[in-house]
Amino acid sequence: MTPGLAGRLPDFPWDSLAQARARAEAHPDGIVDLSVGTPVDPTPEVAQRALCEAANAPGYPATWGTPALRAAIIGYLERRWGAIGLTDAGVLPVVGTKELVALLPTLLGVGAGRTVVIPATAYPTYDVGARVAGASVVASDDPAVVAEVRPGLVWINSPANPHGRILSPAELRAWVDATRAVGAVLASDECYGEFGWDAEPMSVLHPGINGGSLDGLLAAYSLSKRSNAAGYRAGFVAGDPAVVAPLLEVRKHVGLMMPGPVQAAMAALLGDQGHVEEQRAHYRQRRVLLRPALAAAGYRVEHSEGSLYLWCTRDEDCRASVDHLAGLGILVAPGDFYGEAGRTFVRVALTATDERIAAAARRLLAAS
């Protein structure tokens, strides 16, 4: 990273948790780290087998992905999300969806003098990606802002990180209409789509949302959470072929390609929904255990209809809540990581083992 680019970026937020981490680690029963959404359960055997079988990979992989992978992506989106009209030209594997989020403004040419709209409370990489490209950022949850600022790119996220809110079909349609009216690209981060608890997520690829047209739309997906494959760096984007095409061309030039064995594993995972349902059950059980324990300890859970986090507040500065929970040996993410609107919240991840979630629940109940 050049000094000039580094100067555009904020400090890496998790570095600010060093003191709270040390305090939590000092707990006699050890730390329960609920600060980062890193999967801890095993990667499904179907992926491991496919990876091993494709391990002899002496040649360069295709940036666009193998025909088998592209077919698997389309099949998954049609079966699970009701997408219609997708073709090979409208799908593209990416090396983990975070790099797509960080690079999308640059790849689309939304740079200096242009604007990126992101959610008011949001995954920090949306903002980072705009900064890398030199674009300005407007944070808003109101589609009306699109007509005011006329951005080149709009990000939405449902189910959302950090707060788990799920956008209704009417809200999704409003974002589609607003971005199309100004000729912007709407990028919908649907990486937590398999984890809807109190409402059912929908994709912008569904004809009930997009009116039967993919024009101006992208949807981003990841296998990190749904398939416990974060270490594989396996994600993809799908939507309007006219938007995907320039992404593919730039990525071919700069060598952004998913390793061949990972492409094989990804195709296998997308063809198997059973492991996803098993993982949903694990997270549901952890959520059922942890949510009432947080409430007993004085934390009000807001939103959290979906995703793998509980968005909690005691109506105090988020750093005070982080310190309180660190005293119980529980490390969480402060809401100020995700924007000013999160300053009185903390994000509590469900991505810990059953034993560690149970330990956190016991400590919270004992402190209530």
Protein backbone atom coordinates (compact mmCIF):
# COMPACT_ATOMS: atom_id res chain seq x y z
CA MET A 1 0.00 0.00 0.00
CA THR A 2 1.43 3.41 -0.97
CA PRO A 3 1.64 6.14 1.69
CA GLY A 4 -0.86 8.18 -0.32
CA LEU A 5 -3.46 5.43 -0.30
CA ALA A 6 -2.81 4.61 3.36
CA GLY A 7 -3.47 8.24 4.19
CA ARG A 8 -7.02 7.95 2.83
CA LEU A 9 -7.93 5.08 5.16
CA PRO A 10 -9.01 5.06 8.81
CA ASP A 11 -7.11 3.16 11.46
CA PHE A 12 -7.92 -0.56 11.37
CA PRO A 13 -10.80 -0.65 13.89
CA TRP A 14 -10.02 -3.95 15.59
CA ASP A 15 -6.63 -2.59 16.68
CA SER A 16 -8.50 -0.42 19.19
CA LEU A 17 -9.70 -3.52 21.06
CA ALA A 18 -6.25 -4.50 22.38
CA GLN A 19 -6.93 -3.36 25.96
CA ALA A 20 -10.40 -4.94 26.10
CA ARG A 21 -8.99 -8.16 24.65
CA ALA A 22 -6.29 -8.29 27.33
CA ARG A 23 -8.91 -7.80 30.03
CA ALA A 24 -11.15 -10.53 28.62
CA GLU A 25 -8.20 -12.91 28.26
CA ALA A 26 -7.46 -12.49 31.95
CA HIS A 27 -10.78 -14.13 32.92
CA PRO A 28 -10.12 -17.35 34.91
CA ASP A 29 -12.22 -19.39 32.47
CA GLY A 30 -10.64 -17.79 29.41
CA ILE A 31 -11.89 -15.37 26.79
CA VAL A 32 -15.11 -15.79 24.84
CA ASP A 33 -14.33 -13.91 21.65
CA LEU A 34 -17.58 -12.72 20.07
CA SER A 35 -16.00 -9.72 18.37
CA VAL A 36 -15.36 -11.09 14.86
CA GLY A 37 -17.66 -13.11 12.63
CA THR A 38 -15.13 -15.85 11.92
CA PRO A 39 -16.67 -19.32 11.45
CA VAL A 40 -15.44 -21.96 13.90
CA ASP A 41 -17.33 -25.08 12.79
CA PRO A 42 -15.75 -27.57 10.34
CA THR A 43 -15.75 -26.95 6.61
CA PRO A 44 -18.18 -29.49 5.10
CA GLU A 45 -16.71 -32.75 3.86
CA VAL A 46 -18.20 -32.16 0.40
CA ALA A 47 -15.88 -29.15 0.01
CA GLN A 48 -12.83 -30.89 1.40
CA ARG A 49 -13.28 -33.84 -0.97
CA ALA A 50 -13.73 -31.61 -4.01
CA LEU A 51 -10.68 -29.55 -3.04
CA CYS A 52 -8.50 -32.64 -2.72
CA GLU A 53 -9.73 -34.16 -5.98
CA ALA A 54 -8.84 -30.95 -7.81
CA ALA A 55 -5.47 -30.50 -6.06
CA ASN A 56 -3.46 -31.32 -9.21
CA ALA A 57 -3.77 -27.84 -10.74
CA PRO A 58 -0.59 -26.91 -12.62
CA GLY A 59 -2.19 -24.37 -14.93
CA TYR A 60 -3.57 -20.91 -14.28
CA PRO A 61 -7.25 -20.86 -13.33
CA ALA A 62 -9.84 -18.91 -15.28
CA THR A 63 -10.71 -15.52 -13.80
CA TRP A 64 -14.28 -16.02 -15.03
CA GLY A 65 -14.43 -19.43 -13.33
CA THR A 66 -14.91 -22.85 -14.86
CA PRO A 67 -18.12 -23.58 -16.77
CA ALA A 68 -19.06 -25.96 -13.93
CA LEU A 69 -18.67 -23.20 -11.35
CA ARG A 70 -20.67 -20.69 -13.36
CA ALA A 71 -23.44 -23.26 -13.80
CA ALA A 72 -23.38 -23.97 -10.05
CA ILE A 73 -23.69 -20.27 -9.23
CA ILE A 74 -26.64 -19.81 -11.58
CA GLY A 75 -28.33 -22.97 -10.34
CA TYR A 76 -28.01 -21.91 -6.72
CA LEU A 77 -29.38 -18.43 -7.38
CA GLU A 78 -32.32 -19.82 -9.33
CA ARG A 79 -33.21 -22.53 -6.79
CA ARG A 80 -32.62 -20.61 -3.58
CA TRP A 81 -33.32 -17.00 -4.51
CA GLY A 82 -35.74 -17.23 -7.43
CA ALA A 83 -33.42 -15.41 -9.82
CA ILE A 84 -34.41 -15.34 -13.48
CA GLY A 85 -32.57 -14.19 -16.58
CA LEU A 86 -29.06 -14.99 -15.34
CA THR A 87 -26.49 -16.12 -17.90
CA ASP A 88 -22.82 -16.98 -17.75
CA ALA A 89 -22.06 -13.38 -18.72
CA GLY A 90 -23.72 -12.17 -15.53
CA VAL A 91 -21.80 -14.20 -12.94
CA LEU A 92 -18.26 -13.84 -11.66
CA PRO A 93 -16.38 -15.62 -8.84
CA VAL A 94 -14.34 -13.38 -6.53
CA VAL A 95 -11.48 -14.03 -4.12
CA GLY A 96 -13.61 -13.57 -1.03
CA THR A 97 -16.42 -11.04 -1.14
CA LYS A 98 -14.54 -8.52 1.02
CA GLU A 99 -12.15 -7.79 -1.85
CA LEU A 100 -15.13 -7.20 -4.13
CA VAL A 101 -16.62 -4.73 -1.66
CA ALA A 102 -13.29 -2.95 -1.28
CA LEU A 103 -12.55 -2.80 -5.01
CA LEU A 104 -15.97 -2.35 -6.61
CA PRO A 105 -15.90 1.48 -6.79
CA THR A 106 -12.44 1.32 -8.37
CA LEU A 107 -13.44 -1.42 -10.82
CA LEU A 108 -16.52 0.56 -11.85
CA GLY A 109 -14.60 3.83 -12.18
CA VAL A 110 -16.50 5.52 -9.36
CA GLY A 111 -13.58 7.65 -8.20
CA ALA A 112 -12.71 11.26 -7.51
CA GLY A 113 -15.65 13.60 -7.94
CA ARG A 114 -18.14 10.71 -7.70
CA THR A 115 -20.24 9.50 -4.76
CA VAL A 116 -20.92 6.12 -3.18
CA VAL A 117 -24.01 5.68 -0.99
CA ILE A 118 -23.67 3.20 1.87
CA PRO A 119 -25.97 2.22 4.76
CA ALA A 120 -26.04 4.54 7.78
CA THR A 121 -24.77 1.75 10.03
CA ALA A 122 -22.52 -0.40 7.92
CA TYR A 123 -19.71 -2.88 7.44
CA PRO A 124 -16.61 -0.61 7.36
CA THR A 125 -15.32 -1.92 4.03
CA TYR A 126 -18.04 -0.10 2.07
CA ASP A 127 -16.50 3.18 3.23
CA VAL A 128 -12.96 1.86 2.74
CA GLY A 129 -13.72 0.89 -0.85
CA ALA A 130 -14.95 4.39 -1.67
CA ARG A 131 -11.87 5.91 -0.05
CA VAL A 132 -9.55 3.63 -2.00
CA ALA A 133 -11.20 4.84 -5.20
CA GLY A 134 -11.07 8.48 -4.11
CA ALA A 135 -14.86 8.81 -4.10
CA SER A 136 -16.93 10.61 -1.50
CA VAL A 137 -19.35 8.74 0.77
CA VAL A 138 -22.93 9.46 1.80
CA ALA A 139 -24.31 7.23 4.57
CA SER A 140 -28.10 6.92 4.50
CA ASP A 141 -30.90 4.39 4.80
CA ASP A 142 -33.31 6.53 2.76
CA PRO A 143 -33.58 5.76 -0.97
CA ALA A 144 -34.59 9.40 -1.53
CA VAL A 145 -30.97 10.40 -0.98
CA VAL A 146 -30.08 8.83 -4.34
CA ALA A 147 -31.96 11.52 -6.27
CA GLU A 148 -30.24 14.20 -4.18
CA VAL A 149 -26.60 13.10 -4.53
CA ARG A 150 -26.77 11.16 -7.84
CA PRO A 151 -24.15 8.55 -6.92
CA GLY A 152 -22.34 6.18 -9.22
CA LEU A 153 -22.74 3.25 -6.83
CA VAL A 154 -25.19 2.39 -4.05
CA TRP A 155 -24.61 -0.37 -1.49
CA ILE A 156 -27.40 -2.03 0.44
CA ASN A 157 -27.03 -4.96 2.86
CA SER A 158 -29.77 -7.37 3.91
CA PRO A 159 -29.58 -9.18 6.29
CA ALA A 160 -27.27 -6.47 7.49
CA ASN A 161 -23.96 -6.49 9.26
CA PRO A 162 -23.80 -5.34 12.04
CA HIS A 163 -27.42 -4.98 13.14
CA GLY A 164 -29.16 -7.84 11.32
CA ARG A 165 -31.97 -5.80 9.84
CA ILE A 166 -33.76 -7.41 6.87
CA LEU A 167 -35.11 -5.07 4.22
CA SER A 168 -38.71 -5.68 3.22
CA PRO A 169 -39.65 -6.33 -0.43
CA ALA A 170 -41.07 -2.81 -0.64
CA GLU A 171 -37.82 -1.32 0.67
CA LEU A 172 -35.76 -3.34 -1.80
CA ARG A 173 -37.95 -2.22 -4.68
CA ALA A 174 -37.57 1.41 -3.57
CA TRP A 175 -33.78 1.12 -3.75
CA VAL A 176 -33.96 -0.53 -7.18
CA ASP A 177 -36.23 2.20 -8.52
CA ALA A 178 -34.15 5.02 -7.01
CA THR A 179 -30.83 3.81 -8.41
CA ARG A 180 -32.24 3.08 -11.86
CA ALA A 181 -33.75 6.57 -12.00
CA VAL A 182 -30.27 8.12 -11.85
CA GLY A 183 -28.38 5.43 -13.76
CA ALA A 184 -26.42 4.20 -10.75
CA VAL A 185 -25.33 0.65 -10.00
CA LEU A 186 -27.11 -0.96 -7.05
CA ALA A 187 -24.90 -3.51 -5.29
CA SER A 188 -26.79 -5.65 -2.81
CA ASP A 189 -24.64 -7.44 -0.23
CA GLU A 190 -26.59 -10.65 0.43
CA CYS A 191 -23.79 -12.61 2.08
CA TYR A 192 -25.91 -13.38 5.17
CA GLY A 193 -28.97 -14.33 3.16
CA GLU A 194 -29.10 -17.90 4.47
CA PHE A 195 -29.53 -16.59 8.02
CA GLY A 196 -32.94 -15.00 8.33
CA TRP A 197 -34.50 -15.65 11.75
CA ASP A 198 -37.50 -13.38 12.24
CA ALA A 199 -38.10 -12.53 8.57
CA GLU A 200 -37.29 -14.08 5.22
CA PRO A 201 -34.66 -12.24 3.16
CA MET A 202 -35.17 -11.61 -0.53
CA SER A 203 -32.66 -10.98 -3.30
CA VAL A 204 -32.60 -8.09 -5.72
CA LEU A 205 -32.24 -10.81 -8.36
CA HIS A 206 -35.83 -11.94 -7.74
CA PRO A 207 -38.30 -10.71 -10.37
CA GLY A 208 -40.67 -9.60 -7.62
CA ILE A 209 -38.03 -7.07 -6.62
CA ASN A 210 -36.47 -6.09 -9.96
CA GLY A 211 -39.52 -6.27 -12.21
CA GLY A 212 -38.00 -9.05 -14.28
CA SER A 213 -34.91 -7.07 -15.30
CA LEU A 214 -31.33 -7.26 -13.99
CA ASP A 215 -30.44 -3.83 -15.38
CA GLY A 216 -28.04 -1.97 -13.07
CA LEU A 217 -28.08 -4.67 -10.40
CA LEU A 218 -25.40 -6.72 -8.68
CA ALA A 219 -25.82 -9.18 -5.81
CA ALA A 220 -22.81 -10.31 -3.78
CA TYR A 221 -22.62 -13.69 -2.04
CA SER A 222 -20.06 -15.44 0.12
CA LEU A 223 -19.50 -19.05 1.14
CA SER A 224 -17.58 -17.99 4.25
CA LYS A 225 -20.54 -18.09 6.64
CA ARG A 226 -23.06 -20.36 4.89
CA SER A 227 -20.43 -23.07 4.33
CA ASN A 228 -17.77 -22.38 7.00
CA ALA A 229 -15.33 -21.73 4.17
CA ALA A 230 -13.82 -18.38 5.10
CA GLY A 231 -10.35 -19.83 4.60
CA TYR A 232 -11.19 -20.74 1.01
CA ARG A 233 -11.89 -17.09 0.06
CA ALA A 234 -14.84 -18.11 -2.05
CA GLY A 235 -17.47 -15.60 -3.11
CA PHE A 236 -19.23 -14.41 -6.23
CA VAL A 237 -21.17 -11.55 -7.73
CA ALA A 238 -24.10 -11.85 -10.12
CA GLY A 239 -26.46 -9.61 -11.99
CA ASP A 240 -26.46 -7.31 -15.00
CA PRO A 241 -24.01 -8.64 -17.65
CA ALA A 242 -23.27 -5.07 -18.73
CA VAL A 243 -21.96 -4.34 -15.22
CA VAL A 244 -20.22 -7.68 -14.71
CA ALA A 245 -18.31 -7.49 -18.02
CA PRO A 246 -16.00 -4.60 -17.08
CA LEU A 247 -15.37 -6.20 -13.69
CA LEU A 248 -14.19 -9.34 -15.46
CA GLU A 249 -11.97 -7.44 -17.89
CA VAL A 250 -10.14 -5.51 -15.18
CA ARG A 251 -9.78 -8.58 -13.01
CA LYS A 252 -8.21 -10.51 -15.91
CA HIS A 253 -5.63 -7.75 -16.36
CA VAL A 254 -4.66 -7.57 -12.67
CA GLY A 255 -4.73 -11.30 -11.98
CA LEU A 256 -7.65 -11.46 -9.54
CA MET A 257 -8.49 -15.14 -9.97
CA MET A 258 -9.81 -17.78 -7.60
CA PRO A 259 -7.53 -20.85 -7.30
CA GLY A 260 -8.71 -23.79 -9.39
CA PRO A 261 -9.15 -26.25 -6.50
CA VAL A 262 -11.23 -23.66 -4.64
CA GLN A 263 -13.44 -23.25 -7.70
CA ALA A 264 -14.13 -26.99 -7.60
CA ALA A 265 -14.92 -26.88 -3.89
CA MET A 266 -17.19 -23.89 -4.39
CA ALA A 267 -19.18 -25.65 -7.10
CA ALA A 268 -19.64 -28.65 -4.82
CA LEU A 269 -20.81 -26.47 -1.92
CA LEU A 270 -23.30 -24.55 -4.03
CA GLY A 271 -24.84 -27.85 -5.11
CA ASP A 272 -25.41 -29.04 -1.56
CA GLN A 273 -27.99 -27.23 0.58
CA GLY A 274 -28.00 -29.85 3.34
CA HIS A 275 -24.87 -28.57 5.06
CA VAL A 276 -26.33 -25.06 5.05
CA GLU A 277 -29.43 -26.21 6.90
CA GLU A 278 -27.26 -28.01 9.45
CA GLN A 279 -25.24 -24.87 10.05
CA ARG A 280 -28.39 -22.77 10.39
CA ALA A 281 -29.50 -25.08 13.17
CA HIS A 282 -26.20 -24.57 15.01
CA TYR A 283 -26.47 -20.80 14.84
CA ARG A 284 -30.15 -20.83 15.79
CA GLN A 285 -29.33 -22.83 18.91
CA ARG A 286 -26.55 -20.41 19.87
CA ARG A 287 -28.84 -17.43 19.30
CA VAL A 288 -31.58 -18.94 21.44
CA LEU A 289 -29.09 -19.41 24.27
CA LEU A 290 -27.27 -16.08 24.08
CA ARG A 291 -30.08 -13.60 23.43
CA PRO A 292 -32.00 -14.05 26.71
CA ALA A 293 -28.72 -14.06 28.66
CA LEU A 294 -27.83 -10.67 27.21
CA ALA A 295 -31.30 -9.39 28.08
CA ALA A 296 -30.93 -10.64 31.64
CA ALA A 297 -27.66 -8.71 31.92
CA GLY A 298 -29.39 -5.49 30.90
CA TYR A 299 -28.75 -5.44 27.17
CA ARG A 300 -31.64 -4.63 24.84
CA VAL A 301 -31.42 -6.40 21.48
CA GLU A 302 -32.59 -4.34 18.52
CA HIS A 303 -33.18 -5.47 14.92
CA SER A 304 -31.20 -8.74 14.63
CA GLU A 305 -33.91 -10.34 12.48
CA GLY A 306 -31.13 -11.99 10.52
CA SER A 307 -27.35 -12.43 10.10
CA LEU A 308 -25.01 -13.90 12.71
CA TYR A 309 -24.95 -11.06 15.24
CA LEU A 310 -26.98 -9.60 18.07
CA TRP A 311 -27.11 -5.79 18.08
CA CYS A 312 -27.28 -4.78 21.73
CA THR A 313 -27.40 -1.64 23.84
CA ARG A 314 -27.55 -0.50 27.45
CA ASP A 315 -28.08 3.09 26.23
CA GLU A 316 -24.49 4.00 27.07
CA ASP A 317 -21.35 4.67 25.09
CA CYS A 318 -20.42 1.48 23.27
CA ARG A 319 -16.92 1.47 24.74
CA ALA A 320 -18.39 1.32 28.25
CA SER A 321 -20.38 -1.75 27.19
CA VAL A 322 -17.26 -3.31 25.66
CA ASP A 323 -15.42 -2.76 28.93
CA HIS A 324 -18.27 -4.19 30.99
CA LEU A 325 -18.42 -7.36 28.90
CA ALA A 326 -14.62 -7.67 28.83
CA GLY A 327 -14.80 -7.79 32.62
CA LEU A 328 -16.89 -10.94 32.19
CA GLY A 329 -14.30 -12.36 29.80
CA ILE A 330 -16.48 -11.62 26.74
CA LEU A 331 -15.04 -9.62 23.85
CA VAL A 332 -17.48 -7.88 21.49
CA ALA A 333 -17.27 -5.28 18.74
CA PRO A 334 -18.14 -1.67 19.61
CA GLY A 335 -20.86 -0.13 17.50
CA ASP A 336 -18.73 2.88 16.59
CA PHE A 337 -16.87 0.59 14.17
CA TYR A 338 -19.96 0.81 11.97
CA GLY A 339 -20.72 4.52 12.00
CA GLU A 340 -21.96 7.23 14.31
CA ALA A 341 -25.44 5.69 14.53
CA GLY A 342 -23.92 2.68 16.31
CA ARG A 343 -22.22 4.61 19.09
CA THR A 344 -24.46 3.22 21.86
CA PHE A 345 -24.48 -0.38 20.57
CA VAL A 346 -22.24 -3.42 20.57
CA ARG A 347 -22.22 -6.26 18.06
CA VAL A 348 -22.20 -9.73 19.60
CA ALA A 349 -21.28 -12.53 17.18
CA LEU A 350 -22.77 -16.03 17.25
CA THR A 351 -19.62 -17.41 15.61
CA ALA A 352 -18.15 -19.26 18.58
CA THR A 353 -18.31 -22.89 19.62
CA ASP A 354 -21.28 -24.22 21.55
CA GLU A 355 -19.06 -24.48 24.63
CA ARG A 356 -17.92 -20.84 24.42
CA ILE A 357 -21.45 -19.55 23.77
CA ALA A 358 -22.66 -21.51 26.81
CA ALA A 359 -19.81 -20.04 28.89
CA ALA A 360 -20.80 -16.51 27.83
CA ALA A 361 -24.44 -17.17 28.69
CA ARG A 362 -23.49 -18.46 32.14
CA ARG A 363 -21.37 -15.41 32.86
CA LEU A 364 -24.07 -13.00 31.71
CA LEU A 365 -26.73 -14.72 33.82
CA ALA A 366 -24.43 -14.75 36.86
CA ALA A 367 -23.85 -11.02 36.47
CA SER A 368 -27.55 -10.17 36.11
